[in-house]
Amino acid sequence: GVAKKLKGANFLGIDYSETMISNGNLRLKKEATLKKNIEFKTGDATKLSDLFKKETFDIVLSSRCLINLTSSKQQFNTIGQISKILKKNGTYTNPTQVLEYN
């Protein structure tokens, strides 16, 4: 994956599900060379600015996150949270459908 190709980069995975974080850590145990560059934490995407300082990340990728929020308002608020923790001129990418059409 990406972590193997970008060896100098650090990666942080966030999920509200402790089970998903445990699964990530189990997979990471099998990839000894990546342990120092990858970390998983339980967290709430709707409250990212409570977890991280402003302009912390160069890149933010969300997958299967926004689409699982309960309303378009919550989706837009979460995108706002992402913009707060993203560095100036940083990149946000979301490879899944975003908006709920009500």
N, C-alpha and C. Protein backbone atom coordinates (compact mmCIF):
# COMPACT_ATOMS: atom_id res chain seq x y z
N GLY A 1 0.78 -1.18 0.00
CA GLY A 1 0.00 0.00 0.00
C GLY A 1 0.83 1.26 0.00
N VAL A 2 0.17 2.33 0.26
CA VAL A 2 0.77 3.66 0.24
C VAL A 2 1.89 3.78 1.27
N ALA A 3 1.69 3.24 2.45
CA ALA A 3 2.71 3.36 3.51
C ALA A 3 4.03 2.70 3.10
N LYS A 4 3.97 1.66 2.33
CA LYS A 4 5.20 1.00 1.87
C LYS A 4 5.92 1.84 0.83
N LYS A 5 5.18 2.60 0.04
CA LYS A 5 5.78 3.42 -1.00
C LYS A 5 6.30 4.75 -0.46
N LEU A 6 5.65 5.29 0.57
CA LEU A 6 6.05 6.57 1.17
C LEU A 6 6.69 6.31 2.52
N LYS A 7 7.87 5.73 2.50
CA LYS A 7 8.52 5.26 3.73
C LYS A 7 8.85 6.37 4.72
N GLY A 8 9.03 7.59 4.26
CA GLY A 8 9.34 8.68 5.18
C GLY A 8 8.12 9.34 5.80
N ALA A 9 6.94 8.93 5.36
CA ALA A 9 5.70 9.55 5.84
C ALA A 9 5.17 8.82 7.06
N ASN A 10 4.41 9.54 7.87
CA ASN A 10 3.72 8.95 9.01
C ASN A 10 2.23 8.93 8.73
N PHE A 11 1.56 7.89 9.21
CA PHE A 11 0.14 7.69 8.96
C PHE A 11 -0.59 7.51 10.27
N LEU A 12 -1.78 8.10 10.36
CA LEU A 12 -2.62 7.96 11.55
C LEU A 12 -4.01 7.58 11.09
N GLY A 13 -4.50 6.45 11.55
CA GLY A 13 -5.85 6.00 11.23
C GLY A 13 -6.78 6.27 12.40
N ILE A 14 -7.92 6.88 12.13
CA ILE A 14 -8.91 7.20 13.16
C ILE A 14 -10.21 6.48 12.83
N ASP A 15 -10.83 5.87 13.82
CA ASP A 15 -12.15 5.27 13.65
C ASP A 15 -12.86 5.32 14.99
N TYR A 16 -14.18 5.49 14.95
CA TYR A 16 -14.95 5.51 16.20
C TYR A 16 -15.10 4.12 16.79
N SER A 17 -14.88 3.09 15.97
CA SER A 17 -15.04 1.71 16.40
C SER A 17 -13.74 1.14 16.97
N GLU A 18 -13.77 0.79 18.23
CA GLU A 18 -12.58 0.17 18.83
C GLU A 18 -12.23 -1.15 18.16
N THR A 19 -13.25 -1.84 17.65
CA THR A 19 -13.01 -3.10 16.93
C THR A 19 -12.19 -2.85 15.67
N MET A 20 -12.53 -1.79 14.94
CA MET A 20 -11.77 -1.47 13.73
C MET A 20 -10.33 -1.09 14.06
N ILE A 21 -10.14 -0.38 15.14
CA ILE A 21 -8.78 -0.01 15.55
C ILE A 21 -8.00 -1.27 15.95
N SER A 22 -8.64 -2.17 16.67
CA SER A 22 -8.00 -3.43 17.05
C SER A 22 -7.62 -4.24 15.81
N ASN A 23 -8.52 -4.28 14.84
CA ASN A 23 -8.23 -5.00 13.59
C ASN A 23 -7.04 -4.37 12.86
N GLY A 24 -6.99 -3.05 12.83
CA GLY A 24 -5.86 -2.36 12.21
C GLY A 24 -4.56 -2.69 12.90
N ASN A 25 -4.58 -2.69 14.22
CA ASN A 25 -3.37 -3.02 14.98
C ASN A 25 -2.94 -4.47 14.78
N LEU A 26 -3.90 -5.38 14.64
CA LEU A 26 -3.56 -6.78 14.35
C LEU A 26 -2.88 -6.91 12.99
N ARG A 27 -3.40 -6.21 12.01
CA ARG A 27 -2.78 -6.24 10.68
C ARG A 27 -1.39 -5.61 10.71
N LEU A 28 -1.25 -4.55 11.51
CA LEU A 28 0.03 -3.87 11.60
C LEU A 28 1.11 -4.76 12.22
N LYS A 29 0.72 -5.64 13.13
CA LYS A 29 1.69 -6.56 13.73
C LYS A 29 2.36 -7.44 12.68
N LYS A 30 1.66 -7.69 11.58
CA LYS A 30 2.21 -8.52 10.50
C LYS A 30 3.15 -7.73 9.59
N GLU A 31 3.18 -6.43 9.75
CA GLU A 31 4.01 -5.54 8.92
C GLU A 31 5.03 -4.83 9.80
N ALA A 32 6.00 -5.56 10.29
CA ALA A 32 6.96 -5.03 11.26
C ALA A 32 7.67 -3.78 10.78
N THR A 33 7.95 -3.68 9.50
CA THR A 33 8.68 -2.52 8.99
C THR A 33 7.85 -1.24 9.00
N LEU A 34 6.54 -1.37 9.11
CA LEU A 34 5.67 -0.20 9.08
C LEU A 34 5.24 0.29 10.46
N LYS A 35 5.51 -0.47 11.50
CA LYS A 35 5.02 -0.14 12.84
C LYS A 35 5.41 1.26 13.30
N LYS A 36 6.60 1.71 12.94
CA LYS A 36 7.04 3.03 13.41
C LYS A 36 6.37 4.18 12.66
N ASN A 37 5.75 3.88 11.51
CA ASN A 37 5.15 4.92 10.69
C ASN A 37 3.62 4.96 10.72
N ILE A 38 3.01 3.97 11.34
CA ILE A 38 1.55 3.89 11.33
C ILE A 38 1.04 3.76 12.75
N GLU A 39 -0.02 4.51 13.04
CA GLU A 39 -0.67 4.45 14.35
C GLU A 39 -2.18 4.48 14.14
N PHE A 40 -2.91 3.78 14.98
CA PHE A 40 -4.37 3.77 14.93
C PHE A 40 -4.92 4.27 16.27
N LYS A 41 -5.95 5.11 16.21
CA LYS A 41 -6.58 5.65 17.41
C LYS A 41 -8.09 5.65 17.26
N THR A 42 -8.78 5.48 18.37
CA THR A 42 -10.22 5.63 18.38
C THR A 42 -10.53 7.12 18.45
N GLY A 43 -11.44 7.58 17.60
CA GLY A 43 -11.79 8.99 17.60
C GLY A 43 -13.06 9.24 16.80
N ASP A 44 -13.60 10.43 16.95
CA ASP A 44 -14.84 10.84 16.31
C ASP A 44 -14.53 11.87 15.23
N ALA A 45 -14.81 11.53 13.98
CA ALA A 45 -14.53 12.44 12.87
C ALA A 45 -15.29 13.75 12.97
N THR A 46 -16.41 13.75 13.68
CA THR A 46 -17.19 14.98 13.83
C THR A 46 -16.60 15.93 14.85
N LYS A 47 -15.55 15.48 15.55
CA LYS A 47 -14.92 16.30 16.59
C LYS A 47 -13.40 16.31 16.45
N LEU A 48 -12.90 16.35 15.23
CA LEU A 48 -11.47 16.28 14.99
C LEU A 48 -10.70 17.45 15.61
N SER A 49 -11.30 18.63 15.62
CA SER A 49 -10.59 19.78 16.19
C SER A 49 -10.44 19.67 17.71
N ASP A 50 -11.19 18.78 18.34
CA ASP A 50 -10.98 18.49 19.76
C ASP A 50 -9.80 17.54 19.97
N LEU A 51 -9.49 16.77 18.94
CA LEU A 51 -8.42 15.76 19.03
C LEU A 51 -7.06 16.27 18.57
N PHE A 52 -7.08 17.25 17.63
CA PHE A 52 -5.83 17.69 17.00
C PHE A 52 -5.76 19.21 16.94
N LYS A 53 -4.54 19.73 16.94
CA LYS A 53 -4.32 21.16 16.80
C LYS A 53 -4.65 21.59 15.36
N LYS A 54 -4.90 22.88 15.20
CA LYS A 54 -5.14 23.42 13.85
C LYS A 54 -3.91 23.16 12.98
N GLU A 55 -4.18 22.89 11.72
CA GLU A 55 -3.14 22.72 10.70
C GLU A 55 -2.10 21.67 11.10
N THR A 56 -2.57 20.51 11.50
CA THR A 56 -1.69 19.40 11.90
C THR A 56 -1.26 18.53 10.72
N PHE A 57 -2.15 18.31 9.76
CA PHE A 57 -1.92 17.29 8.74
C PHE A 57 -1.71 17.87 7.35
N ASP A 58 -0.80 17.26 6.60
CA ASP A 58 -0.56 17.63 5.20
C ASP A 58 -1.64 17.05 4.29
N ILE A 59 -2.06 15.84 4.62
CA ILE A 59 -3.06 15.13 3.82
C ILE A 59 -4.07 14.49 4.76
N VAL A 60 -5.34 14.60 4.42
CA VAL A 60 -6.40 13.88 5.13
C VAL A 60 -7.18 13.09 4.10
N LEU A 61 -7.34 11.82 4.36
CA LEU A 61 -8.13 10.94 3.50
C LEU A 61 -9.23 10.34 4.35
N SER A 62 -10.45 10.44 3.90
CA SER A 62 -11.54 9.78 4.61
C SER A 62 -12.20 8.80 3.66
N SER A 63 -12.43 7.62 4.14
CA SER A 63 -13.05 6.58 3.33
C SER A 63 -14.19 5.95 4.12
N ARG A 64 -15.37 5.93 3.51
CA ARG A 64 -16.55 5.34 4.16
C ARG A 64 -16.88 6.05 5.47
N CYS A 65 -16.55 7.31 5.56
CA CYS A 65 -16.82 8.09 6.77
C CYS A 65 -18.01 9.01 6.56
N LEU A 66 -17.86 9.98 5.69
CA LEU A 66 -18.92 10.98 5.50
C LEU A 66 -20.24 10.37 5.07
N ILE A 67 -20.19 9.38 4.23
CA ILE A 67 -21.41 8.75 3.74
C ILE A 67 -22.18 8.06 4.86
N ASN A 68 -21.51 7.70 5.93
CA ASN A 68 -22.16 7.02 7.05
C ASN A 68 -22.68 7.96 8.12
N LEU A 69 -22.49 9.26 7.94
CA LEU A 69 -23.06 10.22 8.88
C LEU A 69 -24.55 10.37 8.59
N THR A 70 -25.31 10.81 9.57
CA THR A 70 -26.77 10.74 9.48
C THR A 70 -27.44 11.84 8.67
N SER A 71 -26.73 12.92 8.34
CA SER A 71 -27.36 14.01 7.59
C SER A 71 -26.31 14.78 6.80
N SER A 72 -26.77 15.52 5.81
CA SER A 72 -25.85 16.35 5.04
C SER A 72 -25.26 17.45 5.93
N LYS A 73 -26.01 17.93 6.91
CA LYS A 73 -25.48 18.93 7.85
C LYS A 73 -24.29 18.37 8.61
N GLN A 74 -24.42 17.15 9.09
CA GLN A 74 -23.33 16.51 9.81
C GLN A 74 -22.14 16.27 8.88
N GLN A 75 -22.41 15.94 7.62
CA GLN A 75 -21.34 15.75 6.65
C GLN A 75 -20.57 17.05 6.42
N PHE A 76 -21.30 18.16 6.20
CA PHE A 76 -20.65 19.44 5.97
C PHE A 76 -19.88 19.90 7.21
N ASN A 77 -20.44 19.68 8.40
CA ASN A 77 -19.74 20.05 9.63
C ASN A 77 -18.44 19.25 9.78
N THR A 78 -18.47 17.99 9.40
CA THR A 78 -17.27 17.16 9.49
C THR A 78 -16.22 17.62 8.48
N ILE A 79 -16.64 18.01 7.29
CA ILE A 79 -15.69 18.57 6.33
C ILE A 79 -15.06 19.84 6.91
N GLY A 80 -15.83 20.63 7.63
CA GLY A 80 -15.28 21.80 8.33
C GLY A 80 -14.25 21.40 9.37
N GLN A 81 -14.51 20.32 10.10
CA GLN A 81 -13.54 19.82 11.09
C GLN A 81 -12.24 19.40 10.38
N ILE A 82 -12.39 18.74 9.25
CA ILE A 82 -11.22 18.30 8.48
C ILE A 82 -10.42 19.52 8.03
N SER A 83 -11.10 20.55 7.56
CA SER A 83 -10.39 21.74 7.07
C SER A 83 -9.61 22.42 8.19
N LYS A 84 -10.08 22.34 9.42
CA LYS A 84 -9.37 22.95 10.54
C LYS A 84 -8.06 22.24 10.85
N ILE A 85 -8.02 20.93 10.72
CA ILE A 85 -6.80 20.19 11.07
C ILE A 85 -5.85 20.02 9.89
N LEU A 86 -6.29 20.41 8.71
CA LEU A 86 -5.49 20.32 7.51
C LEU A 86 -4.59 21.55 7.39
N LYS A 87 -3.32 21.34 7.08
CA LYS A 87 -2.40 22.46 6.90
C LYS A 87 -2.81 23.30 5.70
N LYS A 88 -2.40 24.57 5.73
CA LYS A 88 -2.66 25.45 4.60
C LYS A 88 -2.08 24.81 3.34
N ASN A 89 -2.84 24.82 2.28
CA ASN A 89 -2.47 24.18 1.01
C ASN A 89 -2.36 22.65 1.13
N GLY A 90 -2.95 22.09 2.18
CA GLY A 90 -2.98 20.64 2.33
C GLY A 90 -4.01 20.03 1.39
N THR A 91 -4.06 18.72 1.40
CA THR A 91 -4.94 17.99 0.49
C THR A 91 -5.93 17.14 1.26
N TYR A 92 -7.18 17.24 0.87
CA TYR A 92 -8.22 16.36 1.40
C TYR A 92 -8.76 15.52 0.26
N THR A 93 -8.89 14.23 0.49
CA THR A 93 -9.46 13.36 -0.52
C THR A 93 -10.46 12.40 0.12
N ASN A 94 -11.51 12.13 -0.64
CA ASN A 94 -12.56 11.24 -0.16
C ASN A 94 -12.99 10.38 -1.36
N PRO A 95 -12.55 9.12 -1.40
CA PRO A 95 -12.84 8.28 -2.56
C PRO A 95 -14.25 7.68 -2.59
N THR A 96 -15.12 8.12 -1.71
CA THR A 96 -16.48 7.57 -1.67
C THR A 96 -17.48 8.70 -1.89
N GLN A 97 -18.70 8.34 -2.22
CA GLN A 97 -19.78 9.31 -2.38
C GLN A 97 -19.94 10.07 -1.06
N VAL A 98 -20.19 11.35 -1.16
CA VAL A 98 -20.23 12.17 0.05
C VAL A 98 -21.64 12.52 0.48
N LEU A 99 -22.40 13.15 -0.38
CA LEU A 99 -23.63 13.78 0.05
C LEU A 99 -24.81 12.82 0.10
N GLU A 100 -25.60 13.04 1.11
CA GLU A 100 -26.90 12.35 1.23
C GLU A 100 -27.91 13.31 0.64
N TYR A 101 -28.70 12.84 -0.27
CA TYR A 101 -29.67 13.71 -0.92
C TYR A 101 -31.03 13.52 -0.28
N ASN A 102 -31.46 14.52 0.50
CA ASN A 102 -32.79 14.50 1.15
C ASN A 102 -33.66 15.58 0.54
